């Protein structure tokens, strides 16, 4: 079996012909900023320009303790009714500050099966002054008129029991209609502060 070695020149040549550059380049589209907001809604910019969109939520801080951070989508470009049917999965890992509790499990109480409810991205978020949740959501080809709209999400945050919490969500909007808007909110109370940045993937 032969061994192939890559040196700097090989990488440079590969870049020159485009086999490396252009993969996963991000194009900034918009930033939504919360200030005691009931939700953060993104109602423009989600269209057929890109086949993948990434939403980064940064330092999302709730006004209320022990709440669920969630999202939903809309295929109604005029009234933006957030009620798309979806089927999802939800995995949770946690580790307490005291090192006394750890866990990794599937959370059936936070998944959906053909439901129009908001999909949880994480739960039990603390509203301590220094607590927040951050993460990202990938939405794939939202303007397709042929396929369902797959998404994956990952969050990291402080829960109300002083745990580091890492949650993974996956699923799909079960519709062939274009998704034109997303809405992020807590299960109770306002989003006290934080931002959601939207990027298109080139």
N, C-alpha and C. Protein backbone atom coordinates (compact mmCIF):
# COMPACT_ATOMS: atom_id res chain seq x y z
N UNK A 1 0.85 -1.18 0.00
CA UNK A 1 0.00 0.00 0.00
C UNK A 1 0.89 1.23 0.00
N UNK A 2 0.64 2.13 -0.93
CA UNK A 2 1.44 3.34 -1.04
C UNK A 2 0.94 4.39 -0.06
N UNK A 3 1.85 5.25 0.38
CA UNK A 3 1.53 6.34 1.29
C UNK A 3 1.62 7.65 0.52
N UNK A 4 0.57 8.45 0.62
CA UNK A 4 0.54 9.73 -0.05
C UNK A 4 0.86 10.82 0.96
N UNK A 5 1.85 11.64 0.63
CA UNK A 5 2.24 12.73 1.51
C UNK A 5 1.80 14.05 0.92
N UNK A 6 1.23 14.91 1.77
CA UNK A 6 0.84 16.25 1.34
C UNK A 6 1.77 17.25 1.99
N UNK A 7 2.33 18.11 1.19
CA UNK A 7 3.12 19.20 1.74
C UNK A 7 2.39 20.52 1.50
N UNK A 8 2.99 21.62 1.89
CA UNK A 8 2.34 22.92 1.75
C UNK A 8 2.03 23.24 0.30
N UNK A 9 2.91 22.82 -0.63
CA UNK A 9 2.69 23.10 -2.04
C UNK A 9 1.45 22.38 -2.55
N UNK A 10 1.25 21.13 -2.07
CA UNK A 10 0.08 20.36 -2.50
C UNK A 10 -1.20 21.03 -2.02
N UNK A 11 -1.19 21.50 -0.79
CA UNK A 11 -2.37 22.18 -0.27
C UNK A 11 -2.63 23.46 -1.03
N UNK A 12 -1.58 24.19 -1.34
CA UNK A 12 -1.72 25.43 -2.09
C UNK A 12 -2.31 25.16 -3.46
N UNK A 13 -1.83 24.10 -4.15
CA UNK A 13 -2.35 23.78 -5.48
C UNK A 13 -3.81 23.36 -5.40
N UNK A 14 -4.16 22.58 -4.36
CA UNK A 14 -5.55 22.15 -4.21
C UNK A 14 -6.45 23.35 -4.00
N UNK A 15 -5.97 24.32 -3.21
CA UNK A 15 -6.75 25.54 -2.97
C UNK A 15 -6.94 26.31 -4.26
N UNK A 16 -5.94 26.32 -5.09
CA UNK A 16 -6.00 27.09 -6.32
C UNK A 16 -7.07 26.59 -7.27
N UNK A 17 -7.34 25.28 -7.26
CA UNK A 17 -8.35 24.75 -8.18
C UNK A 17 -9.73 24.67 -7.53
N UNK A 18 -9.83 25.13 -6.26
CA UNK A 18 -11.15 25.25 -5.65
C UNK A 18 -11.64 24.03 -4.92
N UNK A 19 -10.78 23.02 -4.71
CA UNK A 19 -11.24 21.82 -4.03
C UNK A 19 -11.26 21.99 -2.51
N UNK A 20 -10.66 23.06 -2.04
CA UNK A 20 -10.69 23.34 -0.61
C UNK A 20 -11.43 24.63 -0.33
N UNK A 21 -11.07 25.69 -1.04
CA UNK A 21 -11.76 26.95 -0.79
C UNK A 21 -13.21 26.86 -1.24
N UNK A 22 -14.05 27.61 -0.59
CA UNK A 22 -15.47 27.64 -0.95
C UNK A 22 -16.30 26.65 -0.17
N UNK A 23 -15.65 25.71 0.55
CA UNK A 23 -16.41 24.72 1.30
C UNK A 23 -16.76 25.29 2.68
N UNK A 24 -18.04 25.50 2.93
CA UNK A 24 -18.47 25.96 4.23
C UNK A 24 -18.25 27.43 4.49
N UNK A 25 -17.99 28.23 3.47
CA UNK A 25 -17.88 29.67 3.68
C UNK A 25 -19.22 30.24 4.11
N UNK A 26 -19.18 31.16 5.08
CA UNK A 26 -20.40 31.73 5.62
C UNK A 26 -20.60 33.16 5.16
N UNK A 27 -21.84 33.50 4.87
CA UNK A 27 -22.20 34.86 4.48
C UNK A 27 -23.15 35.42 5.53
N UNK A 28 -22.70 36.47 6.23
CA UNK A 28 -23.54 37.08 7.25
C UNK A 28 -24.76 37.73 6.60
N UNK A 29 -25.94 37.49 7.17
CA UNK A 29 -27.19 38.05 6.63
C UNK A 29 -27.81 39.05 7.58
N UNK A 30 -27.99 38.66 8.86
CA UNK A 30 -28.66 39.58 9.78
C UNK A 30 -28.37 39.22 11.22
N UNK A 31 -28.61 40.20 12.11
CA UNK A 31 -28.53 39.98 13.56
C UNK A 31 -29.83 40.46 14.19
N UNK A 32 -30.42 39.62 15.06
CA UNK A 32 -31.60 39.98 15.84
C UNK A 32 -31.17 40.08 17.30
N UNK A 33 -31.48 41.21 17.93
CA UNK A 33 -31.04 41.47 19.30
C UNK A 33 -32.24 41.56 20.23
N UNK A 34 -32.19 40.81 21.32
CA UNK A 34 -33.28 40.82 22.30
C UNK A 34 -33.03 41.87 23.37
N UNK A 35 -34.10 42.49 23.81
CA UNK A 35 -34.08 43.40 24.94
C UNK A 35 -35.45 43.32 25.61
N UNK A 36 -35.57 42.42 26.58
CA UNK A 36 -36.87 42.13 27.20
C UNK A 36 -37.91 41.82 26.13
N UNK A 37 -37.54 40.93 25.20
CA UNK A 37 -38.38 40.59 24.05
C UNK A 37 -39.16 39.31 24.31
N UNK A 38 -40.41 39.28 23.89
CA UNK A 38 -41.21 38.07 24.06
C UNK A 38 -40.66 36.93 23.20
N UNK A 39 -40.05 37.27 22.06
CA UNK A 39 -39.42 36.28 21.19
C UNK A 39 -38.48 37.01 20.24
N UNK A 40 -37.66 36.25 19.54
CA UNK A 40 -36.84 36.78 18.46
C UNK A 40 -37.30 36.12 17.18
N UNK A 41 -37.89 36.90 16.29
CA UNK A 41 -38.42 36.36 15.03
C UNK A 41 -37.55 36.80 13.87
N UNK A 42 -37.22 35.85 13.00
CA UNK A 42 -36.46 36.15 11.78
C UNK A 42 -37.43 35.94 10.62
N UNK A 43 -37.87 37.04 10.02
CA UNK A 43 -38.94 36.99 9.02
C UNK A 43 -38.49 37.37 7.62
N UNK A 44 -37.21 37.63 7.44
CA UNK A 44 -36.71 37.95 6.10
C UNK A 44 -35.32 37.33 5.92
N UNK A 45 -34.96 37.09 4.68
CA UNK A 45 -33.64 36.55 4.39
C UNK A 45 -33.56 35.05 4.27
N UNK A 46 -34.62 34.34 4.68
CA UNK A 46 -34.63 32.88 4.52
C UNK A 46 -35.32 32.58 3.20
N UNK A 47 -34.54 32.24 2.18
CA UNK A 47 -35.09 32.05 0.84
C UNK A 47 -34.22 31.06 0.07
N UNK A 48 -34.32 31.07 -1.24
CA UNK A 48 -33.60 30.09 -2.07
C UNK A 48 -32.16 30.50 -2.38
N UNK A 49 -31.68 31.60 -1.80
CA UNK A 49 -30.32 32.05 -2.06
C UNK A 49 -29.30 31.02 -1.62
N UNK A 50 -29.55 30.38 -0.48
CA UNK A 50 -28.62 29.38 0.06
C UNK A 50 -29.35 28.07 0.33
N UNK A 51 -28.60 26.96 0.24
CA UNK A 51 -29.18 25.65 0.53
C UNK A 51 -29.08 25.31 2.01
N UNK A 52 -28.27 26.06 2.75
CA UNK A 52 -28.14 25.84 4.18
C UNK A 52 -28.03 27.18 4.88
N UNK A 53 -28.72 27.29 6.01
CA UNK A 53 -28.63 28.49 6.85
C UNK A 53 -28.21 28.05 8.25
N UNK A 54 -27.37 28.89 8.89
CA UNK A 54 -26.96 28.63 10.26
C UNK A 54 -27.36 29.83 11.11
N UNK A 55 -27.97 29.53 12.25
CA UNK A 55 -28.39 30.55 13.20
C UNK A 55 -27.59 30.36 14.49
N UNK A 56 -26.79 31.35 14.84
CA UNK A 56 -25.99 31.31 16.05
C UNK A 56 -26.69 32.13 17.13
N UNK A 57 -27.05 31.52 18.25
CA UNK A 57 -27.63 32.28 19.35
C UNK A 57 -26.56 32.41 20.43
N UNK A 58 -26.36 33.68 20.85
CA UNK A 58 -25.25 34.03 21.72
C UNK A 58 -25.75 34.66 23.02
N UNK A 59 -25.37 34.06 24.14
CA UNK A 59 -25.66 34.61 25.47
C UNK A 59 -27.14 34.96 25.64
N UNK A 60 -28.00 34.00 25.31
CA UNK A 60 -29.44 34.20 25.46
C UNK A 60 -29.79 34.06 26.94
N UNK A 61 -30.28 35.15 27.52
CA UNK A 61 -30.54 35.19 28.96
C UNK A 61 -32.04 35.36 29.21
N UNK A 62 -32.64 34.45 30.00
CA UNK A 62 -34.09 34.54 30.24
C UNK A 62 -34.43 35.46 31.40
N UNK A 63 -35.60 36.05 31.33
CA UNK A 63 -36.09 36.85 32.44
C UNK A 63 -36.64 35.97 33.56
N UNK A 64 -37.01 34.73 33.23
CA UNK A 64 -37.64 33.80 34.18
C UNK A 64 -36.74 32.60 34.40
N UNK A 65 -36.71 32.08 35.61
CA UNK A 65 -35.86 30.94 35.95
C UNK A 65 -36.49 29.63 35.50
N UNK A 66 -35.63 28.65 35.20
CA UNK A 66 -36.06 27.27 34.91
C UNK A 66 -37.03 27.22 33.73
N UNK A 67 -36.57 27.69 32.58
CA UNK A 67 -37.41 27.74 31.39
C UNK A 67 -36.78 26.98 30.22
N UNK A 68 -37.62 26.68 29.25
CA UNK A 68 -37.21 25.96 28.03
C UNK A 68 -36.98 26.98 26.91
N UNK A 69 -35.84 26.88 26.24
CA UNK A 69 -35.57 27.70 25.06
C UNK A 69 -35.93 26.88 23.83
N UNK A 70 -36.77 27.43 22.94
CA UNK A 70 -37.32 26.64 21.85
C UNK A 70 -37.47 27.45 20.57
N UNK A 71 -37.83 26.75 19.49
CA UNK A 71 -38.03 27.45 18.22
C UNK A 71 -39.12 26.76 17.41
N UNK A 72 -39.63 27.51 16.42
CA UNK A 72 -40.60 26.97 15.48
C UNK A 72 -40.41 27.68 14.15
N UNK A 73 -41.04 27.14 13.12
CA UNK A 73 -40.92 27.71 11.79
C UNK A 73 -42.27 28.08 11.20
N UNK A 74 -42.22 28.89 10.15
CA UNK A 74 -43.44 29.30 9.46
C UNK A 74 -43.25 29.15 7.96
N UNK A 75 -44.31 28.71 7.28
CA UNK A 75 -44.30 28.69 5.82
C UNK A 75 -45.31 29.71 5.28
N UNK A 76 -45.72 30.61 6.15
CA UNK A 76 -46.67 31.67 5.80
C UNK A 76 -45.91 32.99 5.76
N UNK A 77 -45.63 33.50 4.59
CA UNK A 77 -44.79 34.69 4.46
C UNK A 77 -45.51 35.99 4.81
N UNK A 78 -46.82 35.93 5.06
CA UNK A 78 -47.55 37.16 5.38
C UNK A 78 -47.83 37.29 6.87
N UNK A 79 -48.47 36.30 7.49
CA UNK A 79 -48.82 36.41 8.91
C UNK A 79 -47.83 35.70 9.83
N UNK A 80 -46.95 34.87 9.25
CA UNK A 80 -45.93 34.15 10.02
C UNK A 80 -46.53 33.38 11.20
N UNK A 81 -47.40 32.46 10.89
CA UNK A 81 -47.93 31.55 11.91
C UNK A 81 -46.91 30.44 12.14
N UNK A 82 -46.42 30.33 13.38
CA UNK A 82 -45.35 29.37 13.69
C UNK A 82 -45.97 28.06 14.17
N UNK A 83 -46.30 27.22 13.21
CA UNK A 83 -47.05 25.99 13.54
C UNK A 83 -46.76 24.87 12.54
N UNK A 84 -45.51 24.73 12.14
CA UNK A 84 -45.17 23.67 11.18
C UNK A 84 -45.06 22.32 11.88
N UNK A 85 -45.64 21.29 11.30
CA UNK A 85 -45.55 19.93 11.83
C UNK A 85 -44.11 19.44 11.74
N UNK A 86 -43.63 18.84 12.85
CA UNK A 86 -42.25 18.37 12.87
C UNK A 86 -42.11 17.09 13.70
N UNK A 87 -41.09 16.31 13.38
CA UNK A 87 -40.71 15.13 14.15
C UNK A 87 -39.24 15.27 14.50
N UNK A 88 -38.88 15.02 15.79
CA UNK A 88 -37.56 15.39 16.28
C UNK A 88 -36.99 14.38 17.27
N UNK A 89 -35.71 14.58 17.60
CA UNK A 89 -35.03 13.83 18.67
C UNK A 89 -34.36 14.82 19.61
N UNK A 90 -34.05 14.38 20.83
CA UNK A 90 -33.44 15.27 21.83
C UNK A 90 -32.54 14.46 22.76
N UNK A 91 -31.24 14.78 22.77
CA UNK A 91 -30.27 14.15 23.67
C UNK A 91 -29.70 15.20 24.62
N UNK A 92 -29.43 14.79 25.85
CA UNK A 92 -28.97 15.72 26.88
C UNK A 92 -27.78 15.14 27.64
N UNK A 93 -26.74 15.97 27.81
CA UNK A 93 -25.61 15.62 28.68
C UNK A 93 -25.45 16.72 29.71
N UNK A 94 -25.09 16.36 30.95
CA UNK A 94 -24.93 17.38 31.99
C UNK A 94 -23.86 16.98 32.99
N UNK A 95 -23.34 18.00 33.68
CA UNK A 95 -22.32 17.79 34.71
C UNK A 95 -22.46 18.91 35.72
N UNK A 96 -22.63 18.55 36.99
CA UNK A 96 -22.86 19.55 38.03
C UNK A 96 -21.56 20.21 38.46
N UNK A 97 -21.67 21.46 38.93
CA UNK A 97 -20.50 22.19 39.42
C UNK A 97 -19.85 21.46 40.59
N UNK A 98 -20.63 20.76 41.39
CA UNK A 98 -20.10 20.03 42.54
C UNK A 98 -19.46 18.70 42.15
N UNK A 99 -19.56 18.33 40.87
CA UNK A 99 -19.02 17.07 40.35
C UNK A 99 -19.76 15.85 40.91
N UNK A 100 -20.95 16.07 41.48
CA UNK A 100 -21.70 14.98 42.09
C UNK A 100 -22.71 14.34 41.15
N UNK A 101 -23.04 15.05 40.06
CA UNK A 101 -24.04 14.54 39.13
C UNK A 101 -23.56 14.67 37.70
N UNK A 102 -23.67 13.58 36.96
CA UNK A 102 -23.37 13.58 35.53
C UNK A 102 -24.39 12.70 34.83
N UNK A 103 -24.58 12.92 33.55
CA UNK A 103 -25.52 12.07 32.83
C UNK A 103 -25.53 12.32 31.35
N UNK A 104 -25.95 11.32 30.61
CA UNK A 104 -26.16 11.42 29.17
C UNK A 104 -27.39 10.57 28.85
N UNK A 105 -28.42 11.19 28.28
CA UNK A 105 -29.65 10.43 28.06
C UNK A 105 -30.47 11.00 26.92
N UNK A 106 -31.35 10.14 26.39
CA UNK A 106 -32.37 10.59 25.45
C UNK A 106 -33.54 11.14 26.25
N UNK A 107 -34.05 12.32 25.87
CA UNK A 107 -35.14 12.96 26.60
C UNK A 107 -36.42 12.91 25.76
N UNK A 108 -37.23 11.90 26.03
CA UNK A 108 -38.46 11.74 25.25
C UNK A 108 -39.48 12.83 25.54
N UNK A 109 -39.34 13.50 26.68
CA UNK A 109 -40.28 14.56 27.01
C UNK A 109 -40.02 15.84 26.22
N UNK A 110 -38.89 15.90 25.52
CA UNK A 110 -38.57 17.10 24.75
C UNK A 110 -38.48 16.84 23.25
N UNK A 111 -38.83 15.62 22.81
CA UNK A 111 -38.92 15.38 21.37
C UNK A 111 -40.36 15.58 20.91
N UNK A 112 -40.55 15.60 19.61
CA UNK A 112 -41.89 15.78 19.03
C UNK A 112 -42.15 14.69 18.00
N UNK A 113 -43.40 14.29 17.88
CA UNK A 113 -43.81 13.30 16.88
C UNK A 113 -45.02 13.85 16.13
N UNK A 114 -44.73 14.41 14.96
CA UNK A 114 -45.79 15.02 14.13
C UNK A 114 -46.58 16.06 14.93
N UNK A 115 -45.84 16.97 15.53
CA UNK A 115 -46.44 18.01 16.37
C UNK A 115 -46.14 19.39 15.79
N UNK A 116 -47.06 20.31 16.00
CA UNK A 116 -46.85 21.71 15.59
C UNK A 116 -46.30 22.56 16.74
N UNK A 117 -46.02 21.94 17.90
CA UNK A 117 -45.50 22.69 19.04
C UNK A 117 -44.11 23.25 18.74
N UNK A 118 -43.69 24.19 19.56
CA UNK A 118 -42.31 24.67 19.50
C UNK A 118 -41.37 23.54 19.93
N UNK A 119 -40.24 23.44 19.23
CA UNK A 119 -39.25 22.41 19.55
C UNK A 119 -38.26 22.93 20.59
N UNK A 120 -38.15 22.27 21.75
CA UNK A 120 -37.13 22.66 22.73
C UNK A 120 -35.71 22.50 22.17
N UNK A 121 -34.87 23.49 22.46
CA UNK A 121 -33.45 23.42 22.13
C UNK A 121 -32.62 23.12 23.37
N UNK A 122 -33.10 23.56 24.52
CA UNK A 122 -32.53 23.21 25.81
C UNK A 122 -33.58 23.52 26.87
N UNK A 123 -33.36 23.08 28.11
CA UNK A 123 -34.39 23.22 29.14
C UNK A 123 -33.75 23.57 30.47
N UNK A 124 -34.59 23.95 31.43
CA UNK A 124 -34.16 24.34 32.79
C UNK A 124 -33.10 25.42 32.75
N UNK A 125 -33.25 26.40 31.86
CA UNK A 125 -32.26 27.47 31.76
C UNK A 125 -32.39 28.39 32.97
N UNK A 126 -31.26 28.69 33.58
CA UNK A 126 -31.23 29.54 34.76
C UNK A 126 -31.30 31.01 34.36
N UNK A 127 -31.90 31.81 35.23
CA UNK A 127 -31.89 33.26 35.00
C UNK A 127 -30.98 33.97 36.00
N UNK A 128 -30.03 33.24 36.61
CA UNK A 128 -29.00 33.91 37.41
C UNK A 128 -28.33 34.98 36.55
N UNK A 129 -27.80 36.00 37.19
CA UNK A 129 -27.24 37.13 36.45
C UNK A 129 -26.15 36.71 35.47
N UNK A 130 -25.39 35.67 35.81
CA UNK A 130 -24.29 35.25 34.93
C UNK A 130 -24.65 34.05 34.06
N UNK A 131 -25.92 33.66 34.04
CA UNK A 131 -26.33 32.46 33.30
C UNK A 131 -26.88 32.81 31.92
N UNK A 132 -26.69 31.90 30.97
CA UNK A 132 -27.21 32.10 29.61
C UNK A 132 -27.14 30.77 28.86
N UNK A 133 -27.66 30.77 27.66
CA UNK A 133 -27.53 29.62 26.76
C UNK A 133 -27.03 30.13 25.41
N UNK A 134 -26.12 29.38 24.81
CA UNK A 134 -25.60 29.71 23.48
C UNK A 134 -25.60 28.45 22.64
N UNK A 135 -25.53 28.62 21.32
CA UNK A 135 -25.51 27.45 20.45
C UNK A 135 -25.77 27.81 19.01
N UNK A 136 -26.18 26.80 18.24
CA UNK A 136 -26.42 27.02 16.82
C UNK A 136 -27.49 26.07 16.31
N UNK A 137 -28.11 26.48 15.22
CA UNK A 137 -29.12 25.69 14.53
C UNK A 137 -28.81 25.71 13.04
N UNK A 138 -28.70 24.54 12.43
CA UNK A 138 -28.54 24.42 10.98
C UNK A 138 -29.90 24.07 10.37
N UNK A 139 -30.30 24.82 9.37
CA UNK A 139 -31.53 24.53 8.63
C UNK A 139 -31.15 24.29 7.17
N UNK A 140 -31.56 23.12 6.63
CA UNK A 140 -31.10 22.69 5.31
C UNK A 140 -32.18 22.91 4.25
N UNK A 141 -31.80 23.62 3.21
CA UNK A 141 -32.62 23.89 2.03
C UNK A 141 -34.08 24.22 2.38
N UNK A 142 -34.29 25.32 3.07
CA UNK A 142 -35.64 25.66 3.51
C UNK A 142 -36.60 25.99 2.38
N UNK A 143 -36.07 26.31 1.17
CA UNK A 143 -36.96 26.68 0.07
C UNK A 143 -37.30 25.53 -0.86
N UNK A 144 -36.87 24.31 -0.52
CA UNK A 144 -37.17 23.16 -1.37
C UNK A 144 -38.67 22.94 -1.47
N UNK A 145 -39.13 22.65 -2.67
CA UNK A 145 -40.54 22.30 -2.87
C UNK A 145 -40.72 20.80 -3.04
N UNK A 146 -39.62 20.04 -2.80
CA UNK A 146 -39.64 18.59 -2.99
C UNK A 146 -39.46 17.84 -1.67
N UNK A 147 -38.54 18.32 -0.82
CA UNK A 147 -38.15 17.57 0.37
C UNK A 147 -38.64 18.23 1.66
N UNK A 148 -38.71 17.40 2.73
CA UNK A 148 -38.91 17.94 4.08
C UNK A 148 -37.68 18.78 4.43
N UNK A 149 -37.78 19.59 5.49
CA UNK A 149 -36.71 20.52 5.85
C UNK A 149 -35.98 20.02 7.10
N UNK A 150 -34.82 19.41 6.90
CA UNK A 150 -34.05 18.87 8.01
C UNK A 150 -33.35 19.98 8.80
N UNK A 151 -33.17 19.74 10.09
CA UNK A 151 -32.40 20.66 10.92
C UNK A 151 -31.68 19.91 12.02
N UNK A 152 -30.57 20.48 12.48
CA UNK A 152 -29.84 19.98 13.63
C UNK A 152 -29.46 21.17 14.49
N UNK A 153 -29.37 20.98 15.80
CA UNK A 153 -29.04 22.07 16.71
C UNK A 153 -28.20 21.54 17.86
N UNK A 154 -27.40 22.44 18.42
CA UNK A 154 -26.56 22.12 19.58
C UNK A 154 -26.54 23.33 20.49
N UNK A 155 -26.74 23.11 21.79
CA UNK A 155 -26.70 24.21 22.75
C UNK A 155 -25.82 23.86 23.93
N UNK A 156 -25.29 24.91 24.55
CA UNK A 156 -24.55 24.78 25.79
C UNK A 156 -25.06 25.87 26.73
N UNK A 157 -25.35 25.49 27.98
CA UNK A 157 -25.88 26.50 28.89
C UNK A 157 -25.77 26.12 30.34
N UNK A 158 -26.21 27.04 31.19
CA UNK A 158 -26.25 26.83 32.64
C UNK A 158 -27.68 26.52 33.02
N UNK A 159 -27.92 25.36 33.62
CA UNK A 159 -29.29 25.11 34.05
C UNK A 159 -29.49 25.54 35.50
N UNK A 160 -30.73 25.53 35.93
CA UNK A 160 -31.07 26.14 37.21
C UNK A 160 -30.54 25.35 38.41
N UNK A 161 -30.00 24.15 38.19
CA UNK A 161 -29.38 23.37 39.26
C UNK A 161 -27.85 23.50 39.24
N UNK A 162 -27.35 24.52 38.55
CA UNK A 162 -25.90 24.75 38.45
C UNK A 162 -25.18 23.58 37.77
N UNK A 163 -25.76 23.17 36.65
CA UNK A 163 -25.15 22.15 35.81
C UNK A 163 -24.67 22.79 34.51
N UNK A 164 -23.56 22.29 33.99
CA UNK A 164 -23.22 22.53 32.59
C UNK A 164 -24.08 21.58 31.77
N UNK A 165 -24.78 22.12 30.79
CA UNK A 165 -25.74 21.31 30.04
C UNK A 165 -25.46 21.42 28.55
N UNK A 166 -25.40 20.27 27.88
CA UNK A 166 -25.09 20.18 26.45
C UNK A 166 -26.21 19.38 25.79
N UNK A 167 -27.01 20.04 24.94
CA UNK A 167 -28.16 19.38 24.33
C UNK A 167 -28.03 19.33 22.81
N UNK A 168 -28.42 18.20 22.25
CA UNK A 168 -28.38 17.97 20.80
C UNK A 168 -29.78 17.64 20.30
N UNK A 169 -30.19 18.34 19.27
CA UNK A 169 -31.54 18.18 18.71
C UNK A 169 -31.42 17.94 17.21
N UNK A 170 -32.24 17.05 16.69
CA UNK A 170 -32.31 16.82 15.26
C UNK A 170 -33.73 16.51 14.85
N UNK A 171 -34.07 16.79 13.60
CA UNK A 171 -35.41 16.49 13.14
C UNK A 171 -35.71 17.13 11.81
N UNK A 172 -36.99 17.22 11.49
CA UNK A 172 -37.38 17.83 10.22
C UNK A 172 -38.76 18.46 10.33
N UNK A 173 -38.90 19.58 9.62
CA UNK A 173 -40.22 20.14 9.38
C UNK A 173 -40.87 19.27 8.31
N UNK A 174 -41.98 18.67 8.62
CA UNK A 174 -42.60 17.71 7.69
C UNK A 174 -43.51 18.45 6.71
N UNK A 175 -42.87 19.21 5.84
CA UNK A 175 -43.60 19.97 4.82
C UNK A 175 -42.71 20.15 3.61
N UNK A 176 -43.33 20.20 2.43
CA UNK A 176 -42.59 20.54 1.22
C UNK A 176 -42.78 22.01 0.85
N UNK A 177 -43.52 22.74 1.67
CA UNK A 177 -43.67 24.18 1.45
C UNK A 177 -42.42 24.88 1.96
N UNK A 178 -42.00 25.97 1.35
CA UNK A 178 -40.81 26.70 1.80
C UNK A 178 -40.98 27.25 3.21
N UNK A 179 -39.93 27.09 4.03
CA UNK A 179 -39.89 27.72 5.35
C UNK A 179 -39.38 29.15 5.14
N UNK A 180 -40.13 30.13 5.57
CA UNK A 180 -39.78 31.53 5.32
C UNK A 180 -39.43 32.32 6.58
N UNK A 181 -39.67 31.75 7.77
CA UNK A 181 -39.40 32.47 9.00
C UNK A 181 -39.18 31.50 10.15
N UNK A 182 -38.40 31.94 11.16
CA UNK A 182 -38.19 31.18 12.39
C UNK A 182 -38.46 32.09 13.58
N UNK A 183 -38.87 31.47 14.67
CA UNK A 183 -39.14 32.20 15.89
C UNK A 183 -38.49 31.47 17.07
N UNK A 184 -37.76 32.22 17.90
CA UNK A 184 -37.09 31.69 19.09
C UNK A 184 -37.71 32.32 20.33
N UNK A 185 -37.99 31.51 21.35
CA UNK A 185 -38.58 32.07 22.57
C UNK A 185 -38.35 31.12 23.75
N UNK A 186 -38.63 31.64 24.96
CA UNK A 186 -38.63 30.82 26.16
C UNK A 186 -40.05 30.37 26.46
N UNK A 187 -40.16 29.28 27.21
CA UNK A 187 -41.48 28.73 27.53
C UNK A 187 -42.28 29.66 28.45
N UNK A 188 -41.59 30.54 29.17
CA UNK A 188 -42.25 31.51 30.03
C UNK A 188 -41.36 32.74 30.15
N UNK A 189 -41.97 33.91 30.14
CA UNK A 189 -41.21 35.13 30.30
C UNK A 189 -40.48 35.56 29.04
N UNK A 190 -39.80 36.69 29.14
CA UNK A 190 -39.13 37.28 27.99
C UNK A 190 -37.70 36.77 27.81
N UNK A 191 -37.15 37.07 26.63
CA UNK A 191 -35.72 36.95 26.41
C UNK A 191 -35.13 38.28 26.89
N UNK A 192 -34.47 38.24 28.02
CA UNK A 192 -33.96 39.46 28.63
C UNK A 192 -32.88 40.11 27.76
N UNK A 193 -31.98 39.29 27.20
CA UNK A 193 -30.92 39.80 26.34
C UNK A 193 -30.35 38.66 25.52
N UNK A 194 -29.54 39.01 24.50
CA UNK A 194 -28.92 38.01 23.65
C UNK A 194 -29.13 38.33 22.18
N UNK A 195 -28.43 37.62 21.32
CA UNK A 195 -28.53 37.84 19.88
C UNK A 195 -28.68 36.53 19.14
N UNK A 196 -29.32 36.60 17.96
CA UNK A 196 -29.35 35.48 17.02
C UNK A 196 -28.82 36.01 15.69
N UNK A 197 -27.70 35.44 15.25
CA UNK A 197 -27.07 35.83 13.98
C UNK A 197 -27.40 34.78 12.92
N UNK A 198 -27.79 35.24 11.74
CA UNK A 198 -28.12 34.33 10.64
C UNK A 198 -27.07 34.42 9.55
N UNK A 199 -26.60 33.25 9.11
CA UNK A 199 -25.62 33.15 8.03
C UNK A 199 -26.16 32.21 6.95
N UNK A 200 -25.80 32.50 5.71
CA UNK A 200 -25.99 31.56 4.62
C UNK A 200 -24.70 30.83 4.36
N UNK A 201 -24.78 29.57 3.98
CA UNK A 201 -23.59 28.77 3.70
C UNK A 201 -23.38 28.72 2.19
N UNK A 202 -22.25 29.24 1.74
CA UNK A 202 -21.93 29.26 0.32
C UNK A 202 -21.57 27.88 -0.19
